Every structure is written in C-alpha cells, then in structure tokens.
C-alpha cells in the first residue's frame, strides 16, 4: 500500500451563507465519509484548516495575509490515506462531501522519505 494526500479546496469556504444547521449537516457528512474510510482501513489521518493565515513568498520572504485571493483556491484541509494505486486513491476521494458545495480534491502520491 502507498500513501496519498488528499488536498481539499473550497467547499464550505465558498458558501458563507450556510445556516448553522446546514453546516452541521455538512460536517456530519465529512465525519461519516472519514469514518467509512477508516473502517475499511484507508484513512491514516486528516485535519481541517482555518480560512485565515499568511503566505511567505520569494527570496525576500515577503509575508502577506491570506493564502489566496479566491475562496475556491483556498486549501481547507488535507487527509493522508493508504491505497494500492493513484486510481484507487482517486476513487476514494470521489466520495468526499466537498463536491456538494463546489469544492475540489487534489490527490497526490507521497514520496517515502527516510533521513
């Protein structure tokens, strides 16, 4: 089994008008999806991110507020899963609730690094 990182963008961050009940229902879907992956032995760990932050760029290390100008590009979280192939990891990502709110998932193989 190989490790893959699922990088979540947009979704609820693009929908600030969700009511508390709608947000709670959406979050519940995330837990159900992640719990199902864990029960099948795929999920290793995951973490949502706050919408604010800072970015450091370039040789001069210029610090700016906020990671992106558009919320659809905002990284809202990530999850590391194990799968037999990139195609299987993509199949696992297809069930992610982020799509219901217009978000996206980037699936990337992780390189094993041993210092």
N, C-alpha and C. Protein backbone atom coordinates (compact mmCIF):
# COMPACT_ATOMS: atom_id res chain seq x y z
N UNK A 1 0.84 -1.18 0.00
CA UNK A 1 0.00 0.00 0.00
C UNK A 1 0.89 1.24 0.00
N UNK A 2 0.47 2.24 -0.75
CA UNK A 2 1.17 3.51 -0.81
C UNK A 2 0.36 4.57 -0.09
N UNK A 3 1.03 5.68 0.25
CA UNK A 3 0.34 6.79 0.90
C UNK A 3 0.05 7.89 -0.13
N UNK A 4 -1.13 8.49 0.03
CA UNK A 4 -1.57 9.58 -0.83
C UNK A 4 -2.14 10.69 0.06
N UNK A 5 -1.92 11.93 -0.36
CA UNK A 5 -2.52 13.04 0.37
C UNK A 5 -3.67 13.59 -0.48
N UNK A 6 -4.81 13.75 0.17
CA UNK A 6 -5.96 14.38 -0.46
C UNK A 6 -5.98 15.82 0.03
N UNK A 7 -5.89 16.77 -0.89
CA UNK A 7 -5.86 18.19 -0.54
C UNK A 7 -7.20 18.78 -0.92
N UNK A 8 -7.94 19.28 0.07
CA UNK A 8 -9.28 19.80 -0.14
C UNK A 8 -9.24 21.31 -0.36
N UNK A 9 -9.96 21.76 -1.38
CA UNK A 9 -10.04 23.20 -1.67
C UNK A 9 -11.50 23.61 -1.78
N UNK A 10 -11.77 24.84 -1.31
CA UNK A 10 -13.11 25.41 -1.46
C UNK A 10 -14.13 24.71 -0.59
N UNK A 11 -15.31 24.47 -1.16
CA UNK A 11 -16.39 23.82 -0.40
C UNK A 11 -17.10 24.81 0.49
N UNK A 12 -17.15 24.52 1.78
CA UNK A 12 -17.88 25.37 2.73
C UNK A 12 -17.32 26.79 2.73
N UNK A 13 -16.02 26.95 2.47
CA UNK A 13 -15.42 28.28 2.44
C UNK A 13 -16.04 29.15 1.35
N UNK A 14 -16.56 28.50 0.30
CA UNK A 14 -17.19 29.22 -0.80
C UNK A 14 -18.66 29.51 -0.52
N UNK A 15 -19.19 29.00 0.58
CA UNK A 15 -20.61 29.11 0.89
C UNK A 15 -20.82 29.70 2.28
N UNK A 16 -20.47 30.97 2.48
CA UNK A 16 -20.58 31.56 3.82
C UNK A 16 -22.01 31.75 4.29
N UNK A 17 -23.00 31.58 3.40
CA UNK A 17 -24.39 31.79 3.77
C UNK A 17 -25.06 30.53 4.32
N UNK A 18 -24.29 29.46 4.53
CA UNK A 18 -24.88 28.24 5.09
C UNK A 18 -25.37 28.53 6.51
N UNK A 19 -26.55 28.04 6.82
CA UNK A 19 -27.06 28.19 8.18
C UNK A 19 -26.28 27.27 9.11
N UNK A 20 -26.33 27.50 10.41
CA UNK A 20 -25.65 26.59 11.34
C UNK A 20 -26.12 25.14 11.18
N UNK A 21 -27.40 24.94 10.93
CA UNK A 21 -27.92 23.57 10.74
C UNK A 21 -27.36 22.95 9.47
N UNK A 22 -27.28 23.74 8.40
CA UNK A 22 -26.73 23.23 7.14
C UNK A 22 -25.25 22.90 7.30
N UNK A 23 -24.52 23.76 8.01
CA UNK A 23 -23.09 23.50 8.24
C UNK A 23 -22.91 22.25 9.09
N UNK A 24 -23.73 22.09 10.11
CA UNK A 24 -23.63 20.91 10.97
C UNK A 24 -23.91 19.64 10.16
N UNK A 25 -24.91 19.67 9.30
CA UNK A 25 -25.24 18.51 8.46
C UNK A 25 -24.08 18.20 7.51
N UNK A 26 -23.47 19.25 6.96
CA UNK A 26 -22.34 19.05 6.05
C UNK A 26 -21.15 18.45 6.78
N UNK A 27 -20.85 18.97 7.96
CA UNK A 27 -19.74 18.44 8.75
C UNK A 27 -20.00 16.98 9.13
N UNK A 28 -21.25 16.65 9.44
CA UNK A 28 -21.60 15.26 9.76
C UNK A 28 -21.27 14.34 8.58
N UNK A 29 -21.53 14.80 7.35
CA UNK A 29 -21.20 14.00 6.16
C UNK A 29 -19.70 13.76 6.07
N UNK A 30 -18.91 14.77 6.42
CA UNK A 30 -17.44 14.59 6.43
C UNK A 30 -17.03 13.49 7.41
N UNK A 31 -17.60 13.55 8.62
CA UNK A 31 -17.26 12.53 9.62
C UNK A 31 -17.69 11.14 9.16
N UNK A 32 -18.86 11.04 8.56
CA UNK A 32 -19.34 9.75 8.08
C UNK A 32 -18.42 9.21 6.98
N UNK A 33 -18.01 10.07 6.06
CA UNK A 33 -17.12 9.66 4.97
C UNK A 33 -15.77 9.22 5.53
N UNK A 34 -15.18 10.03 6.42
CA UNK A 34 -13.89 9.69 7.01
C UNK A 34 -13.97 8.42 7.85
N UNK A 35 -15.05 8.26 8.61
CA UNK A 35 -15.22 7.05 9.43
C UNK A 35 -15.34 5.81 8.55
N UNK A 36 -16.02 5.94 7.40
CA UNK A 36 -16.15 4.81 6.48
C UNK A 36 -14.78 4.43 5.90
N UNK A 37 -13.97 5.42 5.56
CA UNK A 37 -12.62 5.14 5.06
C UNK A 37 -11.80 4.44 6.14
N UNK A 38 -11.88 4.93 7.36
CA UNK A 38 -11.13 4.34 8.47
C UNK A 38 -11.58 2.90 8.72
N UNK A 39 -12.88 2.66 8.67
CA UNK A 39 -13.41 1.31 8.91
C UNK A 39 -12.92 0.32 7.85
N UNK A 40 -12.66 0.83 6.66
CA UNK A 40 -12.16 -0.03 5.57
C UNK A 40 -10.64 -0.07 5.53
N UNK A 41 -9.99 0.63 6.47
CA UNK A 41 -8.54 0.58 6.57
C UNK A 41 -7.80 1.57 5.68
N UNK A 42 -8.47 2.57 5.12
CA UNK A 42 -7.82 3.52 4.22
C UNK A 42 -7.27 4.76 4.91
N UNK A 43 -8.01 5.30 5.85
CA UNK A 43 -7.64 6.59 6.41
C UNK A 43 -6.51 6.47 7.42
N UNK A 44 -5.54 7.35 7.30
CA UNK A 44 -4.48 7.42 8.31
C UNK A 44 -4.71 8.61 9.23
N UNK A 45 -4.84 9.80 8.63
CA UNK A 45 -5.07 11.00 9.45
C UNK A 45 -5.53 12.13 8.55
N UNK A 46 -6.19 13.10 9.15
CA UNK A 46 -6.66 14.26 8.42
C UNK A 46 -6.85 15.43 9.34
N UNK A 47 -6.92 16.63 8.75
CA UNK A 47 -7.05 17.81 9.57
C UNK A 47 -7.68 18.95 8.76
N UNK A 48 -8.77 19.54 9.28
CA UNK A 48 -9.30 20.74 8.63
C UNK A 48 -8.41 21.94 8.95
N UNK A 49 -8.49 22.96 8.12
CA UNK A 49 -7.70 24.17 8.33
C UNK A 49 -8.62 25.37 8.50
N UNK A 50 -8.15 26.36 9.24
CA UNK A 50 -8.86 27.63 9.35
C UNK A 50 -8.77 28.35 8.01
N UNK A 51 -9.68 29.31 7.77
CA UNK A 51 -9.68 30.02 6.49
C UNK A 51 -8.67 31.15 6.42
N UNK A 52 -8.10 31.56 7.55
CA UNK A 52 -7.12 32.64 7.52
C UNK A 52 -5.72 32.08 7.58
N UNK A 53 -4.74 32.94 7.44
CA UNK A 53 -3.35 32.53 7.51
C UNK A 53 -2.47 33.56 6.85
N UNK A 54 -1.23 33.21 6.63
CA UNK A 54 -0.28 34.08 5.96
C UNK A 54 0.55 33.25 4.99
N UNK A 55 1.03 33.92 3.97
CA UNK A 55 1.87 33.28 2.97
C UNK A 55 3.21 34.01 2.91
N UNK A 56 4.29 33.26 2.81
CA UNK A 56 5.64 33.81 2.68
C UNK A 56 6.12 33.45 1.28
N UNK A 57 6.57 34.47 0.52
CA UNK A 57 6.96 34.23 -0.87
C UNK A 57 8.33 34.84 -1.19
N UNK A 58 8.99 34.18 -2.11
CA UNK A 58 10.18 34.72 -2.74
C UNK A 58 11.43 34.75 -1.89
N UNK A 59 12.52 35.15 -2.56
CA UNK A 59 13.82 35.22 -1.89
C UNK A 59 13.82 36.20 -0.72
N UNK A 60 13.02 37.27 -0.84
CA UNK A 60 12.95 38.27 0.23
C UNK A 60 11.98 37.88 1.34
N UNK A 61 11.32 36.74 1.16
CA UNK A 61 10.39 36.21 2.17
C UNK A 61 9.34 37.24 2.58
N UNK A 62 8.63 37.76 1.59
CA UNK A 62 7.58 38.74 1.82
C UNK A 62 6.37 38.03 2.40
N UNK A 63 5.86 38.54 3.52
CA UNK A 63 4.72 37.94 4.20
C UNK A 63 3.46 38.72 3.83
N UNK A 64 2.42 37.99 3.38
CA UNK A 64 1.13 38.62 3.07
C UNK A 64 0.03 37.89 3.83
N UNK A 65 -1.04 38.61 4.14
CA UNK A 65 -2.19 38.00 4.79
C UNK A 65 -2.93 37.13 3.80
N UNK A 66 -3.47 36.03 4.30
CA UNK A 66 -4.32 35.16 3.48
C UNK A 66 -3.55 34.37 2.46
N UNK A 67 -3.92 33.12 2.30
CA UNK A 67 -3.20 32.27 1.36
C UNK A 67 -3.59 32.51 -0.11
N UNK A 68 -4.84 32.87 -0.41
CA UNK A 68 -5.27 33.02 -1.80
C UNK A 68 -6.30 34.13 -1.91
N UNK A 69 -6.44 34.65 -3.12
CA UNK A 69 -7.42 35.71 -3.36
C UNK A 69 -8.83 35.15 -3.53
N UNK A 70 -8.96 33.97 -4.08
CA UNK A 70 -10.28 33.39 -4.34
C UNK A 70 -10.53 32.20 -3.41
N UNK A 71 -11.73 32.15 -2.83
CA UNK A 71 -12.02 31.07 -1.87
C UNK A 71 -12.02 29.70 -2.54
N UNK A 72 -12.30 29.61 -3.82
CA UNK A 72 -12.29 28.30 -4.48
C UNK A 72 -10.90 27.68 -4.49
N UNK A 73 -9.86 28.52 -4.35
CA UNK A 73 -8.48 28.04 -4.33
C UNK A 73 -7.94 27.83 -2.92
N UNK A 74 -8.72 28.20 -1.91
CA UNK A 74 -8.29 28.10 -0.53
C UNK A 74 -8.18 26.64 -0.10
N UNK A 75 -7.02 26.24 0.37
CA UNK A 75 -6.85 24.88 0.90
C UNK A 75 -7.56 24.85 2.25
N UNK A 76 -8.58 23.99 2.37
CA UNK A 76 -9.38 23.94 3.58
C UNK A 76 -9.06 22.74 4.47
N UNK A 77 -8.22 21.83 3.98
CA UNK A 77 -7.83 20.69 4.79
C UNK A 77 -7.10 19.66 3.96
N UNK A 78 -6.67 18.62 4.62
CA UNK A 78 -5.98 17.52 3.93
C UNK A 78 -6.20 16.23 4.70
N UNK A 79 -5.96 15.14 4.02
CA UNK A 79 -6.09 13.82 4.63
C UNK A 79 -5.07 12.90 3.96
N UNK A 80 -4.40 12.10 4.74
CA UNK A 80 -3.50 11.10 4.20
C UNK A 80 -4.22 9.75 4.24
N UNK A 81 -4.24 9.07 3.10
CA UNK A 81 -4.86 7.75 3.00
C UNK A 81 -3.86 6.76 2.43
N UNK A 82 -4.12 5.49 2.67
CA UNK A 82 -3.34 4.44 2.02
C UNK A 82 -4.21 3.83 0.95
N UNK A 83 -3.60 3.51 -0.18
CA UNK A 83 -4.32 2.88 -1.29
C UNK A 83 -3.31 2.10 -2.12
N UNK A 84 -3.81 1.21 -2.94
CA UNK A 84 -2.92 0.39 -3.76
C UNK A 84 -2.40 1.14 -4.97
N UNK A 85 -3.09 2.22 -5.39
CA UNK A 85 -2.68 2.96 -6.58
C UNK A 85 -3.28 4.36 -6.55
N UNK A 86 -2.78 5.21 -7.43
CA UNK A 86 -3.35 6.55 -7.58
C UNK A 86 -4.81 6.46 -7.99
N UNK A 87 -5.14 5.53 -8.88
CA UNK A 87 -6.54 5.36 -9.30
C UNK A 87 -7.44 5.00 -8.13
N UNK A 88 -6.98 4.14 -7.24
CA UNK A 88 -7.79 3.78 -6.08
C UNK A 88 -7.95 4.99 -5.15
N UNK A 89 -6.89 5.77 -4.96
CA UNK A 89 -6.98 6.96 -4.12
C UNK A 89 -7.96 7.96 -4.71
N UNK A 90 -7.97 8.11 -6.03
CA UNK A 90 -8.94 8.99 -6.70
C UNK A 90 -10.36 8.47 -6.47
N UNK A 91 -10.55 7.16 -6.56
CA UNK A 91 -11.87 6.58 -6.29
C UNK A 91 -12.32 6.89 -4.86
N UNK A 92 -11.40 6.80 -3.90
CA UNK A 92 -11.75 7.11 -2.51
C UNK A 92 -12.16 8.57 -2.38
N UNK A 93 -11.46 9.46 -3.07
CA UNK A 93 -11.75 10.89 -3.00
C UNK A 93 -13.10 11.24 -3.61
N UNK A 94 -13.59 10.42 -4.53
CA UNK A 94 -14.88 10.70 -5.19
C UNK A 94 -16.03 10.82 -4.20
N UNK A 95 -15.92 10.17 -3.04
CA UNK A 95 -16.99 10.21 -2.05
C UNK A 95 -16.95 11.41 -1.12
N UNK A 96 -15.99 12.30 -1.31
CA UNK A 96 -15.80 13.43 -0.41
C UNK A 96 -16.96 14.42 -0.48
N UNK A 97 -17.47 14.87 0.66
CA UNK A 97 -18.57 15.84 0.68
C UNK A 97 -18.21 17.22 0.15
N UNK A 98 -16.94 17.54 -0.04
CA UNK A 98 -16.55 18.86 -0.52
C UNK A 98 -17.18 19.18 -1.88
N UNK A 99 -17.45 18.15 -2.68
CA UNK A 99 -18.01 18.36 -4.02
C UNK A 99 -19.43 18.92 -3.95
N UNK A 100 -20.17 18.60 -2.88
CA UNK A 100 -21.55 19.07 -2.75
C UNK A 100 -21.63 20.59 -2.66
N UNK A 101 -20.54 21.22 -2.24
CA UNK A 101 -20.53 22.68 -2.10
C UNK A 101 -19.56 23.33 -3.08
N UNK A 102 -19.26 22.64 -4.18
CA UNK A 102 -18.44 23.21 -5.24
C UNK A 102 -16.95 23.14 -5.03
N UNK A 103 -16.50 22.37 -4.06
CA UNK A 103 -15.07 22.25 -3.79
C UNK A 103 -14.37 21.26 -4.69
N UNK A 104 -13.09 21.07 -4.43
CA UNK A 104 -12.29 20.13 -5.22
C UNK A 104 -11.34 19.35 -4.31
N UNK A 105 -10.84 18.24 -4.84
CA UNK A 105 -9.85 17.43 -4.14
C UNK A 105 -8.69 17.17 -5.08
N UNK A 106 -7.50 17.50 -4.63
CA UNK A 106 -6.28 17.17 -5.36
C UNK A 106 -5.72 15.91 -4.71
N UNK A 107 -5.40 14.90 -5.50
CA UNK A 107 -4.88 13.63 -4.99
C UNK A 107 -3.42 13.52 -5.43
N UNK A 108 -2.52 13.40 -4.45
CA UNK A 108 -1.10 13.36 -4.76
C UNK A 108 -0.42 12.19 -4.06
N UNK A 109 0.40 11.42 -4.80
CA UNK A 109 1.19 10.38 -4.15
C UNK A 109 2.23 11.02 -3.23
N UNK A 110 2.49 10.37 -2.12
CA UNK A 110 3.51 10.85 -1.19
C UNK A 110 4.80 10.08 -1.44
N UNK A 111 5.91 10.78 -1.40
CA UNK A 111 7.21 10.16 -1.53
C UNK A 111 7.66 9.70 -0.16
N UNK A 112 8.11 8.48 -0.08
CA UNK A 112 8.64 7.98 1.20
C UNK A 112 10.00 8.62 1.43
N UNK A 113 10.18 9.19 2.59
CA UNK A 113 11.43 9.86 2.93
C UNK A 113 11.95 9.31 4.24
N UNK A 114 13.16 8.82 4.19
CA UNK A 114 13.80 8.29 5.39
C UNK A 114 15.13 9.03 5.56
N UNK A 115 15.25 9.89 6.57
CA UNK A 115 16.51 10.64 6.76
C UNK A 115 17.66 9.73 7.17
